[in-house]
């Protein structure tokens, strides 16, 4: 009888040791996996959620996360869509803990310049939010004429004006580093 208790105790200690070893290994693997997660993966895992994006200027934008590229995201606000470069963001609130990998190398290469070139190709009217750091932001209205590797050329118009030669007030070249976001413009909205 005493041997049964001795062996049962020995088996329990062995099982506890195996369980502790397994939990340690699982914890270590989770830490290693977390170290490989990129911001874009977390953003893709949060698509459909209401999130807030806090910029260096102190401005915060809130909306439903609808798209997440490797260097940018799109928030659906009540009346507009807002494209925000990751580099302009100080912090996010409302992100899921879920991470979703890009899936393909083509999707991973869809950077900020790719998204901006698509807006330029569509001749979309935009309100470009330019960061002035802690001093705030300024807004330029117009149509993106050209997108380089690290800048865009904006044909500046008045709020709500179409891009016609008579309406263009000049061209503003905006480095991506100063880009806080681009807001969609519809109709006579500004």
Protein backbone atom coordinates (compact mmCIF):
# COMPACT_ATOMS: atom_id res chain seq x y z
CA UNK A 1 0.00 0.00 0.00
CA UNK A 2 2.72 2.48 0.89
CA UNK A 3 4.39 1.76 -2.43
CA UNK A 4 1.20 2.78 -4.29
CA UNK A 5 1.24 6.15 -2.54
CA UNK A 6 4.97 6.55 -3.20
CA UNK A 7 4.60 5.78 -6.91
CA UNK A 8 1.49 7.98 -7.20
CA UNK A 9 3.42 10.86 -5.60
CA UNK A 10 6.37 10.24 -7.93
CA UNK A 11 4.04 10.23 -10.99
CA UNK A 12 2.40 13.47 -9.81
CA UNK A 13 5.81 15.16 -9.43
CA UNK A 14 6.86 13.95 -12.88
CA UNK A 15 3.59 15.17 -14.44
CA UNK A 16 3.98 18.57 -12.74
CA UNK A 17 7.54 18.84 -14.02
CA UNK A 18 6.48 17.95 -17.56
CA UNK A 19 3.58 20.45 -17.36
CA UNK A 20 5.92 23.22 -16.09
CA UNK A 21 8.42 22.45 -18.86
CA UNK A 22 5.64 22.59 -21.48
CA UNK A 23 4.27 25.87 -20.10
CA UNK A 24 7.78 27.36 -20.14
CA UNK A 25 8.29 26.26 -23.74
CA UNK A 26 4.90 27.65 -24.80
CA UNK A 27 5.69 30.96 -23.10
CA UNK A 28 9.06 31.18 -24.81
CA UNK A 29 7.56 30.39 -28.21
CA UNK A 30 4.88 33.05 -27.66
CA UNK A 31 7.58 35.64 -26.88
CA UNK A 32 9.55 34.66 -29.98
CA UNK A 33 6.39 34.81 -32.13
CA UNK A 34 5.47 38.24 -30.70
CA UNK A 35 8.92 39.55 -31.59
CA UNK A 36 8.24 38.87 -35.29
CA UNK A 37 4.89 40.72 -35.42
CA UNK A 38 4.96 43.99 -37.35
CA UNK A 39 2.66 46.97 -36.90
CA UNK A 40 1.04 46.32 -40.29
CA UNK A 41 0.15 42.79 -39.07
CA UNK A 42 -1.57 44.21 -35.97
CA UNK A 43 -3.41 46.75 -38.11
CA UNK A 44 -4.62 44.02 -40.50
CA UNK A 45 -5.84 42.10 -37.44
CA UNK A 46 -7.87 45.17 -36.41
CA UNK A 47 -9.67 45.82 -39.70
CA UNK A 48 -13.32 46.54 -39.00
CA UNK A 49 -12.63 47.88 -35.49
CA UNK A 50 -13.05 51.46 -34.35
CA UNK A 51 -9.57 52.80 -33.60
CA UNK A 52 -7.98 56.14 -32.78
CA UNK A 53 -4.79 57.41 -34.39
CA UNK A 54 -2.80 59.98 -32.39
CA UNK A 55 -0.38 62.18 -34.36
CA UNK A 56 2.69 64.17 -33.27
CA UNK A 57 0.73 67.42 -33.68
CA UNK A 58 -1.56 66.35 -30.86
CA UNK A 59 -4.44 65.67 -33.23
CA UNK A 60 -6.31 62.40 -32.90
CA UNK A 61 -8.46 60.88 -35.63
CA UNK A 62 -11.00 58.18 -34.91
CA UNK A 63 -12.81 55.88 -37.28
CA UNK A 64 -13.28 52.34 -38.49
CA UNK A 65 -10.07 50.82 -39.80
CA UNK A 66 -10.91 49.70 -43.35
CA UNK A 67 -7.51 49.13 -45.03
CA UNK A 68 -3.98 48.50 -43.79
CA UNK A 69 -0.96 48.62 -46.07
CA UNK A 70 2.65 48.03 -45.15
CA UNK A 71 3.21 51.79 -44.55
CA UNK A 72 -0.29 53.29 -44.34
CA UNK A 73 -3.82 52.76 -43.10
CA UNK A 74 -7.27 54.04 -43.98
CA UNK A 75 -9.84 55.14 -41.41
CA UNK A 76 -13.48 55.48 -42.40
CA UNK A 77 -14.81 58.55 -40.64
CA UNK A 78 -18.46 59.56 -40.68
CA UNK A 79 -18.23 61.60 -43.92
CA UNK A 80 -14.70 60.97 -45.19
CA UNK A 81 -11.93 58.46 -45.55
CA UNK A 82 -8.53 59.31 -44.10
CA UNK A 83 -5.26 57.78 -45.32
CA UNK A 84 -2.55 58.03 -42.64
CA UNK A 85 1.12 57.04 -43.07
CA UNK A 86 2.40 54.87 -40.21
CA UNK A 87 5.35 57.27 -39.83
CA UNK A 88 2.97 60.11 -38.83
CA UNK A 89 1.48 58.18 -35.91
CA UNK A 90 2.69 58.45 -32.32
CA UNK A 91 0.26 55.88 -30.94
CA UNK A 92 -2.89 53.88 -31.63
CA UNK A 93 -5.76 53.01 -29.32
CA UNK A 94 -8.34 50.31 -29.90
CA UNK A 95 -6.17 47.82 -31.81
CA UNK A 96 -6.89 44.12 -31.45
CA UNK A 97 -4.19 41.84 -30.08
CA UNK A 98 -4.70 39.72 -33.20
CA UNK A 99 -2.01 39.90 -35.89
CA UNK A 100 -2.62 38.92 -39.52
CA UNK A 101 0.34 38.39 -41.85
CA UNK A 102 0.32 40.08 -45.26
CA UNK A 103 0.11 36.78 -47.07
CA UNK A 104 1.93 37.71 -50.28
CA UNK A 105 5.08 39.60 -51.18
CA UNK A 106 3.05 41.72 -53.61
CA UNK A 107 0.81 42.89 -50.78
CA UNK A 108 3.83 43.59 -48.57
CA UNK A 109 5.27 45.89 -51.26
CA UNK A 110 2.14 48.05 -51.43
CA UNK A 111 3.76 51.00 -49.68
CA UNK A 112 2.70 54.59 -49.21
CA UNK A 113 3.85 55.70 -52.66
CA UNK A 114 1.73 52.94 -54.25
CA UNK A 115 -1.42 54.13 -52.46
CA UNK A 116 -0.68 57.77 -53.37
CA UNK A 117 -0.05 56.88 -57.02
CA UNK A 118 -3.47 55.26 -57.12
CA UNK A 119 -5.05 58.49 -55.83
CA UNK A 120 -3.06 60.46 -58.42
CA UNK A 121 -4.15 58.11 -61.22
CA UNK A 122 -7.81 58.55 -60.19
CA UNK A 123 -7.37 62.37 -60.03
CA UNK A 124 -9.04 62.22 -56.62
CA UNK A 125 -9.54 65.53 -54.86
CA UNK A 126 -7.92 65.40 -51.44
CA UNK A 127 -7.25 67.54 -48.41
CA UNK A 128 -3.58 66.97 -47.55
CA UNK A 129 -2.79 67.31 -43.87
CA UNK A 130 0.77 68.53 -43.45
CA UNK A 131 2.40 68.13 -40.05
CA UNK A 132 4.14 71.08 -38.44
CA UNK A 133 5.22 68.98 -35.46
CA UNK A 134 4.08 70.27 -32.10
CA UNK A 135 2.88 73.48 -33.82
CA UNK A 136 -0.04 71.58 -35.32
CA UNK A 137 -1.06 70.94 -38.87
CA UNK A 138 -1.94 72.81 -42.03
CA UNK A 139 -4.30 71.63 -44.74
CA UNK A 140 -3.85 71.98 -48.50
CA UNK A 141 -6.62 71.15 -50.96
CA UNK A 142 -6.07 69.85 -54.45
CA UNK A 143 -5.22 66.89 -56.65
CA UNK A 144 -2.04 64.83 -56.56
CA UNK A 145 -0.20 65.38 -59.85
CA UNK A 146 2.88 63.25 -59.26
CA UNK A 147 4.29 60.87 -56.67
CA UNK A 148 8.02 60.34 -56.29
CA UNK A 149 9.87 57.93 -54.07
CA UNK A 150 9.55 60.13 -50.96
CA UNK A 151 7.40 63.11 -51.99
CA UNK A 152 4.22 64.11 -53.77
CA UNK A 153 3.35 67.11 -55.95
CA UNK A 154 -0.06 68.57 -55.19
CA UNK A 155 -1.86 70.90 -57.62
CA UNK A 156 -3.24 73.28 -55.01
CA UNK A 157 -6.82 74.50 -55.44
CA UNK A 158 -9.32 76.18 -53.17
CA UNK A 159 -11.51 73.96 -50.98
CA UNK A 160 -14.20 72.33 -53.12
CA UNK A 161 -12.70 73.50 -56.44
CA UNK A 162 -12.13 71.14 -59.36
CA UNK A 163 -8.61 70.81 -60.79
CA UNK A 164 -8.82 73.09 -63.79
CA UNK A 165 -5.98 75.32 -64.98
CA UNK A 166 -7.84 78.45 -63.81
CA UNK A 167 -8.33 76.98 -60.30
CA UNK A 168 -4.75 75.82 -59.68
CA UNK A 169 -2.96 78.19 -57.29
CA UNK A 170 0.41 76.50 -57.72
CA UNK A 171 2.11 73.22 -56.95
CA UNK A 172 3.20 72.16 -53.49
CA UNK A 173 5.88 69.50 -53.17
CA UNK A 174 5.32 67.66 -49.90
CA UNK A 175 7.91 65.23 -48.49
CA UNK A 176 6.39 62.04 -47.09
CA UNK A 177 8.08 62.87 -43.78
CA UNK A 178 5.78 65.90 -43.43
CA UNK A 179 2.64 64.05 -44.49
CA UNK A 180 0.20 63.56 -41.61
CA UNK A 181 -2.65 62.28 -43.76
CA UNK A 182 -4.93 62.69 -46.75
CA UNK A 183 -8.67 63.09 -46.38
CA UNK A 184 -11.10 62.31 -49.18
CA UNK A 185 -13.08 65.24 -50.55
CA UNK A 186 -16.53 64.84 -52.06
CA UNK A 187 -18.72 67.36 -53.83
CA UNK A 188 -18.30 70.91 -52.50
CA UNK A 189 -16.90 69.69 -49.17
CA UNK A 190 -13.58 71.01 -47.97
